[in-house]
Amino acid sequence: MRLDKFLAHCRLGSRKEVRQMLSDHRISVNDAIETDSSHKIDPDKDTVFCDGKKIIYREFDYFILNKPQGYLSATVDDTEKTVLDLIEPQDVVKGLFPVGRLDKDTTGLLLLTNNGALGHELLSPKKHVTKKYEAIVRPPLPTDVIRQFLEGIKYGKTTFKPASLVLLEELPEGIKVHVTITEGKYHQVKKMFRAVGSRVNSLKRIEMGPLKLPEDLSLGNYRRLSEKEEKQLLSSVD
């Protein structure tokens, strides 16, 4: 890879700006100052520094967002706010998109990446990637509701795949539950509870595959995946 392309990919600036950095002797490769923008490097083997700070090469970017209500899980919309509006400009890399959809009024874990192949794998029905939600639902629930979820809920002409349901506690606002599904159909969790005579009052995704919503990540905030989380995510679809 050309050095100027590497530096631009790492978001140090435009091609023109990074060439100026090279001319200013601010870039070193393997402990030697480099001024040639066409110099070839191997990102996996060579070490590159800018102003004495090591540059970390990432082929793809992965962010975990705690989505608040009121935002569309989309990259752009003419009238509504999207989840990309919550991302700082320097992190909105080319091709960044949300993996899957959370409804406008649903909160919680949303993965954003520019790795299109991974996004496709995570959403593929063949991979059976689990999604776990915490919901507050309107009582009462049928006494056999857990069995119904395990057997697969029917809603109109649709039969959803078997799902896990755990009843946690009764609250003034409804029954707190955890539901784990392996699909991601439109309004799926809401439709499943409608089918058993209930309604979802609030819905939050807390897990997706190996990823868990961090307890210290407040609504509307995001962070880059840790190296461990990234490895777990990639290995989950191997």
Foldseek 3Di string as FASTA:
>chain_A
DFQLVQCVQLVPDHSVVVLVQLVVQQKDKQPHGHNDRRDDDDLVPIWMGGNRHTRHGDPKFKKKAFAAAQAWQFDDDDPGHHLVVLDDPSPPDPQKGWQATDDNHATEIIMIMNPPVLSCLLQDLVLLKKWKKKFFKADDFDPCLQVCQQPFADFVPDTFHRKGKDFDDADPRHTIIMIMGSHRDDCVVQRRQVSRPMGTPYMYIADIRPDGGDPPRDHSGMDTDDPVRVVSSVVSRD
